[in-house]
Every structure is written in C-alpha cells, then in structure tokens.
C-alpha cells in the first residue's frame, strides 16, 4: 500500500474507534471506579479483540460469520446478555454505594489497593465487549476489507490488522489517561456511584435494545 493509503486507513480506523458506544462507556467507567491501570487493561484488551477481527477479515473468517445468520444471531444474543450483565453489575454497585452513603475518597482508595488482582478481569471485559459486538464484524467486512486486495502480501495485510488493533488500543488508552487525570479524577470519583448507575442503565438499555431487535 502507498503511504497515502496507509494514512487513510489509519484515519478510518480512528474514526471507527472514536464512534460512541458501550466500549468508551466501559473505559470511562473503569477509569473512574478502578483507576488508570484498570482502564488501560480494558483499552489494551479491546485493541487485541479488534486486531483479531481484522485478522479474521484477512483470513476470510469474518465474511463467513457475516454470511451465517446463526453465527451472527449468536453473537448478537451473547453481546446483549453480556451488556445486560455488565449493566446490572454497575447498577447494583452504584445503587448499593448510594444507599450505604459510603461514596468517599477513602473508600475508593481502599478499593484501588486491590486493583492488581482484578486487572485480568478488566482485560477480559474489554475483550468480550469487542468479541460479542457484531457491528465490529460488519465494520471490518464492509470497510476494512476495502483496503485489502489480492496483490498485497500476507505480511502487508497482517500489518494492516495490527494497525487496527494499535489505533483502537491507543485511542481508548488516551481516553483512560484523560479521564483518570488528577484534575478530573477526584471530581469524577466523588460522583462515581451516580455515574455507575447512569452507565449501568445505559448498558442495560443497549442489551435490551439488541435483544428486542432480534425478536
């Protein structure tokens, strides 16, 4: 690919990553509740998931998934259930904090002391929110595939797939760093219980909407 085409691909991937949705909500919520390390784990795992879908396009697997109504429906159902699960988890957590009146910085500090033990869980959430999102399949089949052709080497296509994951991870890592900046972190932390409820309601709504669209 020419330098201009690589640049256009990078802009396209960045535009896809910046589109609003549950992924950015998950990164923001994780940064507020668990701090920068947890949010970065989500961001990096999210990028890995995106890279795997890009590789699936290179190998032709994504087109197979999209052409199979059973596989697409399974992905959508799994995604709806996962979003509903995350949303309920946030609602119960935020609601419990508000009810007990323990929305204090000291409690948040104690919570973050155990962050090292939960990084793998944050990473898993970041990966699964991509894996169960059929819109990612559609994006890569419809748009990313346009930058690939039979004249390119397999190595070039793999580099393009790696770029997809890198751009995605970099964008969400930037969001994580921004939200966890000390200038905003204290204010957001004090409001974390309310934000948990808001994000939880958003995720539950996403999940219910996807589920109803399949009926």
C-alpha atoms as a PDB file:
ATOM      1  CA  UNK A   1       0.000   0.000   0.000  1.00  0.00           C
ATOM      2  CA  UNK A   2       1.090   3.555  -0.640  1.00  0.00           C
ATOM      3  CA  UNK A   3       1.813   5.979   2.191  1.00  0.00           C
ATOM      4  CA  UNK A   4      -1.403   7.864   1.374  1.00  0.00           C
ATOM      5  CA  UNK A   5      -3.432   4.667   1.623  1.00  0.00           C
ATOM      6  CA  UNK A   6      -1.859   3.765   4.974  1.00  0.00           C
ATOM      7  CA  UNK A   7      -2.729   7.241   6.240  1.00  0.00           C
ATOM      8  CA  UNK A   8      -6.316   6.923   5.009  1.00  0.00           C
ATOM      9  CA  UNK A   9      -6.587   3.509   6.677  1.00  0.00           C
ATOM     10  CA  UNK A  10      -5.336   4.952   9.963  1.00  0.00           C
ATOM     11  CA  UNK A  11      -7.915   7.769   9.812  1.00  0.00           C
ATOM     12  CA  UNK A  12     -10.693   5.288   9.005  1.00  0.00           C
ATOM     13  CA  UNK A  13      -9.710   3.060  11.920  1.00  0.00           C
ATOM     14  CA  UNK A  14      -9.519   6.054  14.249  1.00  0.00           C
ATOM     15  CA  UNK A  15     -12.979   7.206  13.183  1.00  0.00           C
ATOM     16  CA  UNK A  16     -14.320   3.722  13.905  1.00  0.00           C
ATOM     17  CA  UNK A  17     -12.680   3.661  17.344  1.00  0.00           C
ATOM     18  CA  UNK A  18     -13.990   7.132  18.227  1.00  0.00           C
ATOM     19  CA  UNK A  19     -17.615   6.284  17.450  1.00  0.00           C
ATOM     20  CA  UNK A  20     -19.687   6.428  20.661  1.00  0.00           C
ATOM     21  CA  UNK A  21     -20.923   3.193  22.188  1.00  0.00           C
ATOM     22  CA  UNK A  22     -20.586   0.778  25.103  1.00  0.00           C
ATOM     23  CA  UNK A  23     -16.823   0.402  24.660  1.00  0.00           C
ATOM     24  CA  UNK A  24     -15.992   4.012  25.524  1.00  0.00           C
ATOM     25  CA  UNK A  25     -18.525   3.894  28.363  1.00  0.00           C
ATOM     26  CA  UNK A  26     -16.758   0.833  29.795  1.00  0.00           C
ATOM     27  CA  UNK A  27     -13.334   2.507  29.604  1.00  0.00           C
ATOM     28  CA  UNK A  28     -14.608   5.704  31.253  1.00  0.00           C
ATOM     29  CA  UNK A  29     -16.447   3.828  33.993  1.00  0.00           C
ATOM     30  CA  UNK A  30     -13.409   1.628  34.709  1.00  0.00           C
ATOM     31  CA  UNK A  31     -11.110   4.665  34.880  1.00  0.00           C
ATOM     32  CA  UNK A  32     -13.435   6.409  37.342  1.00  0.00           C
ATOM     33  CA  UNK A  33     -14.110   3.417  39.565  1.00  0.00           C
ATOM     34  CA  UNK A  34     -10.831   1.478  39.459  1.00  0.00           C
ATOM     35  CA  UNK A  35      -8.256   3.971  38.231  1.00  0.00           C
ATOM     36  CA  UNK A  36      -5.931   4.290  35.267  1.00  0.00           C
ATOM     37  CA  UNK A  37      -4.373   0.807  35.349  1.00  0.00           C
ATOM     38  CA  UNK A  38      -7.737  -0.947  35.110  1.00  0.00           C
ATOM     39  CA  UNK A  39      -8.892   1.309  32.268  1.00  0.00           C
ATOM     40  CA  UNK A  40      -5.642   0.747  30.370  1.00  0.00           C
ATOM     41  CA  UNK A  41      -6.131  -3.015  30.751  1.00  0.00           C
ATOM     42  CA  UNK A  42      -9.579  -2.617  29.166  1.00  0.00           C
ATOM     43  CA  UNK A  43      -8.128  -0.461  26.370  1.00  0.00           C
ATOM     44  CA  UNK A  44      -5.312  -2.875  25.506  1.00  0.00           C
ATOM     45  CA  UNK A  45      -7.573  -5.931  25.568  1.00  0.00           C
ATOM     46  CA  UNK A  46     -10.091  -4.057  23.418  1.00  0.00           C
ATOM     47  CA  UNK A  47      -7.316  -3.424  20.887  1.00  0.00           C
ATOM     48  CA  UNK A  48      -6.405  -7.121  20.905  1.00  0.00           C
ATOM     49  CA  UNK A  49     -10.030  -8.004  20.154  1.00  0.00           C
ATOM     50  CA  UNK A  50     -10.120  -5.535  17.273  1.00  0.00           C
ATOM     51  CA  UNK A  51      -6.849  -6.930  15.881  1.00  0.00           C
ATOM     52  CA  UNK A  52      -8.261 -10.468  15.980  1.00  0.00           C
ATOM     53  CA  UNK A  53     -11.319  -9.397  13.988  1.00  0.00           C
ATOM     54  CA  UNK A  54      -9.049  -7.646  11.489  1.00  0.00           C
ATOM     55  CA  UNK A  55      -7.009 -10.839  11.134  1.00  0.00           C
ATOM     56  CA  UNK A  56     -10.284 -12.731  10.659  1.00  0.00           C
ATOM     57  CA  UNK A  57     -11.003 -10.473   7.675  1.00  0.00           C
ATOM     58  CA  UNK A  58      -7.557 -11.209   6.259  1.00  0.00           C
ATOM     59  CA  UNK A  59      -8.211 -14.943   6.633  1.00  0.00           C
ATOM     60  CA  UNK A  60     -11.766 -14.673   5.280  1.00  0.00           C
ATOM     61  CA  UNK A  61     -13.400 -15.832   8.524  1.00  0.00           C
ATOM     62  CA  UNK A  62     -15.305 -12.595   9.167  1.00  0.00           C
ATOM     63  CA  UNK A  63     -17.147 -12.878   5.855  1.00  0.00           C
ATOM     64  CA  UNK A  64     -18.150 -16.413   6.818  1.00  0.00           C
ATOM     65  CA  UNK A  65     -19.517 -15.173  10.160  1.00  0.00           C
ATOM     66  CA  UNK A  66     -21.495 -12.396   8.494  1.00  0.00           C
ATOM     67  CA  UNK A  67     -22.940 -14.761   5.886  1.00  0.00           C
ATOM     68  CA  UNK A  68     -24.186 -17.150   8.577  1.00  0.00           C
ATOM     69  CA  UNK A  69     -27.403 -15.907  10.186  1.00  0.00           C
ATOM     70  CA  UNK A  70     -26.949 -18.414  13.013  1.00  0.00           C
ATOM     71  CA  UNK A  71     -23.463 -17.157  13.913  1.00  0.00           C
ATOM     72  CA  UNK A  72     -24.499 -13.505  13.658  1.00  0.00           C
ATOM     73  CA  UNK A  73     -27.564 -14.087  15.814  1.00  0.00           C
ATOM     74  CA  UNK A  74     -25.488 -15.993  18.357  1.00  0.00           C
ATOM     75  CA  UNK A  75     -23.027 -13.090  18.529  1.00  0.00           C
ATOM     76  CA  UNK A  76     -25.832 -10.575  18.933  1.00  0.00           C
ATOM     77  CA  UNK A  77     -27.565 -12.594  21.650  1.00  0.00           C
ATOM     78  CA  UNK A  78     -24.292 -13.120  23.513  1.00  0.00           C
ATOM     79  CA  UNK A  79     -23.497  -9.414  23.209  1.00  0.00           C
ATOM     80  CA  UNK A  80     -26.931  -8.412  24.516  1.00  0.00           C
ATOM     81  CA  UNK A  81     -26.583 -10.739  27.515  1.00  0.00           C
ATOM     82  CA  UNK A  82     -23.051  -9.523  28.260  1.00  0.00           C
ATOM     83  CA  UNK A  83     -24.115  -5.858  28.137  1.00  0.00           C
ATOM     84  CA  UNK A  84     -27.115  -6.634  30.345  1.00  0.00           C
ATOM     85  CA  UNK A  85     -24.826  -8.421  32.827  1.00  0.00           C
ATOM     86  CA  UNK A  86     -22.364  -5.506  32.942  1.00  0.00           C
ATOM     87  CA  UNK A  87     -25.212  -3.018  33.292  1.00  0.00           C
ATOM     88  CA  UNK A  88     -26.804  -4.888  36.199  1.00  0.00           C
ATOM     89  CA  UNK A  89     -23.404  -5.163  37.875  1.00  0.00           C
ATOM     90  CA  UNK A  90     -22.922  -1.389  37.612  1.00  0.00           C
ATOM     91  CA  UNK A  91     -26.464  -0.619  38.783  1.00  0.00           C
ATOM     92  CA  UNK A  92     -26.189  -2.855  41.848  1.00  0.00           C
ATOM     93  CA  UNK A  93     -22.732  -1.492  42.683  1.00  0.00           C
ATOM     94  CA  UNK A  94     -23.677   2.163  42.271  1.00  0.00           C
ATOM     95  CA  UNK A  95     -27.056   1.754  43.956  1.00  0.00           C
ATOM     96  CA  UNK A  96     -25.504  -0.043  46.917  1.00  0.00           C
ATOM     97  CA  UNK A  97     -22.923   2.707  47.364  1.00  0.00           C
ATOM     98  CA  UNK A  98     -25.567   5.438  47.313  1.00  0.00           C
ATOM     99  CA  UNK A  99     -27.767   3.528  49.765  1.00  0.00           C
ATOM    100  CA  UNK A 100     -24.947   2.998  52.264  1.00  0.00           C
ATOM    101  CA  UNK A 101     -23.662   6.546  51.881  1.00  0.00           C
ATOM    102  CA  UNK A 102     -20.033   5.465  51.506  1.00  0.00           C
ATOM    103  CA  UNK A 103     -19.185   7.417  48.388  1.00  0.00           C
ATOM    104  CA  UNK A 104     -15.959   8.763  49.893  1.00  0.00           C
ATOM    105  CA  UNK A 105     -12.372   9.098  48.528  1.00  0.00           C
ATOM    106  CA  UNK A 106     -11.053   6.912  51.386  1.00  0.00           C
ATOM    107  CA  UNK A 107     -13.275   4.046  50.313  1.00  0.00           C
ATOM    108  CA  UNK A 108     -12.132   4.452  46.713  1.00  0.00           C
ATOM    109  CA  UNK A 109      -8.503   4.339  47.810  1.00  0.00           C
ATOM    110  CA  UNK A 110      -9.118   1.079  49.659  1.00  0.00           C
ATOM    111  CA  UNK A 111     -10.885  -0.283  46.601  1.00  0.00           C
ATOM    112  CA  UNK A 112      -7.943   0.558  44.347  1.00  0.00           C
ATOM    113  CA  UNK A 113      -5.447  -1.155  46.639  1.00  0.00           C
ATOM    114  CA  UNK A 114      -6.773  -4.476  45.315  1.00  0.00           C
ATOM    115  CA  UNK A 115      -6.606  -3.418  41.670  1.00  0.00           C
ATOM    116  CA  UNK A 116      -3.619  -5.624  40.882  1.00  0.00           C
ATOM    117  CA  UNK A 117      -5.778  -8.704  41.471  1.00  0.00           C
ATOM    118  CA  UNK A 118      -8.513  -7.593  39.057  1.00  0.00           C
ATOM    119  CA  UNK A 119      -6.565  -6.405  36.007  1.00  0.00           C
ATOM    120  CA  UNK A 120      -7.246  -9.700  34.255  1.00  0.00           C
ATOM    121  CA  UNK A 121     -10.989  -9.194  34.827  1.00  0.00           C
ATOM    122  CA  UNK A 122     -10.810  -5.701  33.352  1.00  0.00           C
ATOM    123  CA  UNK A 123      -8.923  -7.073  30.356  1.00  0.00           C
ATOM    124  CA  UNK A 124     -11.494  -9.832  29.902  1.00  0.00           C
ATOM    125  CA  UNK A 125     -14.338  -7.289  29.916  1.00  0.00           C
ATOM    126  CA  UNK A 126     -12.502  -5.175  27.338  1.00  0.00           C
ATOM    127  CA  UNK A 127     -12.006  -8.180  25.078  1.00  0.00           C
ATOM    128  CA  UNK A 128     -15.522  -9.590  25.419  1.00  0.00           C
ATOM    129  CA  UNK A 129     -17.214  -6.282  24.685  1.00  0.00           C
ATOM    130  CA  UNK A 130     -15.490  -6.414  21.279  1.00  0.00           C
ATOM    131  CA  UNK A 131     -15.856 -10.141  20.694  1.00  0.00           C
ATOM    132  CA  UNK A 132     -19.627 -10.096  21.205  1.00  0.00           C
ATOM    133  CA  UNK A 133     -20.197  -6.981  19.090  1.00  0.00           C
ATOM    134  CA  UNK A 134     -21.461  -7.933  15.590  1.00  0.00           C
ATOM    135  CA  UNK A 135     -21.092  -4.312  14.466  1.00  0.00           C
ATOM    136  CA  UNK A 136     -17.324  -4.840  14.600  1.00  0.00           C
ATOM    137  CA  UNK A 137     -17.675  -7.733  12.141  1.00  0.00           C
ATOM    138  CA  UNK A 138     -19.740  -5.559   9.799  1.00  0.00           C
ATOM    139  CA  UNK A 139     -17.241  -2.683  10.037  1.00  0.00           C
ATOM    140  CA  UNK A 140     -14.287  -4.872   9.124  1.00  0.00           C
ATOM    141  CA  UNK A 141     -16.060  -6.762   6.368  1.00  0.00           C
ATOM    142  CA  UNK A 142     -17.590  -3.644   4.798  1.00  0.00           C
ATOM    143  CA  UNK A 143     -14.845  -1.050   5.342  1.00  0.00           C
ATOM    144  CA  UNK A 144     -11.523  -2.540   6.439  1.00  0.00           C
ATOM    145  CA  UNK A 145     -11.640  -5.139   3.657  1.00  0.00           C
ATOM    146  CA  UNK A 146     -11.706  -2.317   1.081  1.00  0.00           C
ATOM    147  CA  UNK A 147      -8.074  -1.585   1.904  1.00  0.00           C
ATOM    148  CA  UNK A 148      -7.037  -5.172   1.136  1.00  0.00           C
ATOM    149  CA  UNK A 149      -6.542  -6.766  -2.265  1.00  0.00           C
ATOM    150  CA  UNK A 150      -5.075  -9.913  -3.800  1.00  0.00           C
ATOM    151  CA  UNK A 151      -1.914  -8.097  -4.923  1.00  0.00           C
ATOM    152  CA  UNK A 152      -0.819  -7.376  -1.375  1.00  0.00           C
ATOM    153  CA  UNK A 153       1.458  -9.717   0.509  1.00  0.00           C
ATOM    154  CA  UNK A 154       0.146 -11.595   3.521  1.00  0.00           C
ATOM    155  CA  UNK A 155       2.621  -9.675   5.682  1.00  0.00           C
ATOM    156  CA  UNK A 156       1.192  -6.334   4.497  1.00  0.00           C
ATOM    157  CA  UNK A 157      -2.319  -7.458   5.381  1.00  0.00           C
ATOM    158  CA  UNK A 158      -1.199  -8.614   8.819  1.00  0.00           C
ATOM    159  CA  UNK A 159       0.461  -5.226   9.396  1.00  0.00           C
ATOM    160  CA  UNK A 160      -2.842  -3.572   8.483  1.00  0.00           C
ATOM    161  CA  UNK A 161      -4.607  -5.831  11.001  1.00  0.00           C
ATOM    162  CA  UNK A 162      -2.042  -4.965  13.672  1.00  0.00           C
ATOM    163  CA  UNK A 163      -2.567  -1.283  12.884  1.00  0.00           C
ATOM    164  CA  UNK A 164      -6.313  -1.750  13.500  1.00  0.00           C
ATOM    165  CA  UNK A 165      -5.627  -3.090  16.982  1.00  0.00           C
ATOM    166  CA  UNK A 166      -2.937  -0.499  17.692  1.00  0.00           C
ATOM    167  CA  UNK A 167      -5.050   2.506  16.690  1.00  0.00           C
ATOM    168  CA  UNK A 168      -8.001   1.209  18.700  1.00  0.00           C
ATOM    169  CA  UNK A 169      -5.941   0.492  21.824  1.00  0.00           C
ATOM    170  CA  UNK A 170      -4.175   3.879  21.551  1.00  0.00           C
ATOM    171  CA  UNK A 171      -7.465   5.785  21.344  1.00  0.00           C
ATOM    172  CA  UNK A 172      -9.028   4.064  24.348  1.00  0.00           C
ATOM    173  CA  UNK A 173      -5.776   4.349  26.297  1.00  0.00           C
ATOM    174  CA  UNK A 174      -5.869   8.102  25.612  1.00  0.00           C
ATOM    175  CA  UNK A 175      -9.437   8.220  26.935  1.00  0.00           C
ATOM    176  CA  UNK A 176      -8.352   6.260  30.015  1.00  0.00           C
ATOM    177  CA  UNK A 177      -5.435   8.619  30.719  1.00  0.00           C
ATOM    178  CA  UNK A 178      -7.607  11.703  30.213  1.00  0.00           C
ATOM    179  CA  UNK A 179     -10.428  10.537  32.478  1.00  0.00           C
ATOM    180  CA  UNK A 180      -8.019   9.384  35.204  1.00  0.00           C
ATOM    181  CA  UNK A 181      -6.082  12.685  35.133  1.00  0.00           C
ATOM    182  CA  UNK A 182      -5.801  14.034  38.724  1.00  0.00           C
ATOM    183  CA  UNK A 183      -7.528  17.257  37.627  1.00  0.00           C
ATOM    184  CA  UNK A 184     -10.710  15.346  36.913  1.00  0.00           C
ATOM    185  CA  UNK A 185     -10.261  12.105  38.865  1.00  0.00           C
ATOM    186  CA  UNK A 186     -11.280  13.440  42.309  1.00  0.00           C
ATOM    187  CA  UNK A 187     -14.419  15.095  40.990  1.00  0.00           C
ATOM    188  CA  UNK A 188     -15.405  12.043  38.964  1.00  0.00           C
ATOM    189  CA  UNK A 189     -14.617   9.714  41.859  1.00  0.00           C
ATOM    190  CA  UNK A 190     -16.964  11.611  44.170  1.00  0.00           C
ATOM    191  CA  UNK A 191     -19.677  11.148  41.559  1.00  0.00           C
ATOM    192  CA  UNK A 192     -18.725   7.550  40.788  1.00  0.00           C
ATOM    193  CA  UNK A 193     -21.840   5.988  42.384  1.00  0.00           C
ATOM    194  CA  UNK A 194     -24.173   8.136  40.298  1.00  0.00           C
ATOM    195  CA  UNK A 195     -22.097   7.542  37.177  1.00  0.00           C
ATOM    196  CA  UNK A 196     -22.159   3.797  37.844  1.00  0.00           C
ATOM    197  CA  UNK A 197     -25.949   3.906  37.886  1.00  0.00           C
ATOM    198  CA  UNK A 198     -26.038   6.008  34.708  1.00  0.00           C
ATOM    199  CA  UNK A 199     -23.631   3.733  32.842  1.00  0.00           C
ATOM    200  CA  UNK A 200     -25.431   0.659  34.182  1.00  0.00           C
ATOM    201  CA  UNK A 201     -28.749   1.944  32.881  1.00  0.00           C
ATOM    202  CA  UNK A 202     -27.084   2.709  29.526  1.00  0.00           C
ATOM    203  CA  UNK A 203     -25.672  -0.821  29.247  1.00  0.00           C
ATOM    204  CA  UNK A 204     -28.954  -2.460  30.243  1.00  0.00           C
ATOM    205  CA  UNK A 205     -30.724  -0.306  27.630  1.00  0.00           C
ATOM    206  CA  UNK A 206     -28.183  -1.347  24.981  1.00  0.00           C
ATOM    207  CA  UNK A 207     -28.660  -5.002  25.880  1.00  0.00           C
ATOM    208  CA  UNK A 208     -32.471  -4.836  25.867  1.00  0.00           C
ATOM    209  CA  UNK A 209     -32.478  -2.921  22.567  1.00  0.00           C
ATOM    210  CA  UNK A 210     -30.268  -5.530  20.882  1.00  0.00           C
ATOM    211  CA  UNK A 211     -32.355  -8.371  22.306  1.00  0.00           C
ATOM    212  CA  UNK A 212     -35.654  -6.819  21.128  1.00  0.00           C
ATOM    213  CA  UNK A 213     -34.217  -6.212  17.659  1.00  0.00           C
ATOM    214  CA  UNK A 214     -33.703  -9.979  17.316  1.00  0.00           C
ATOM    215  CA  UNK A 215     -37.340 -10.852  18.067  1.00  0.00           C
END
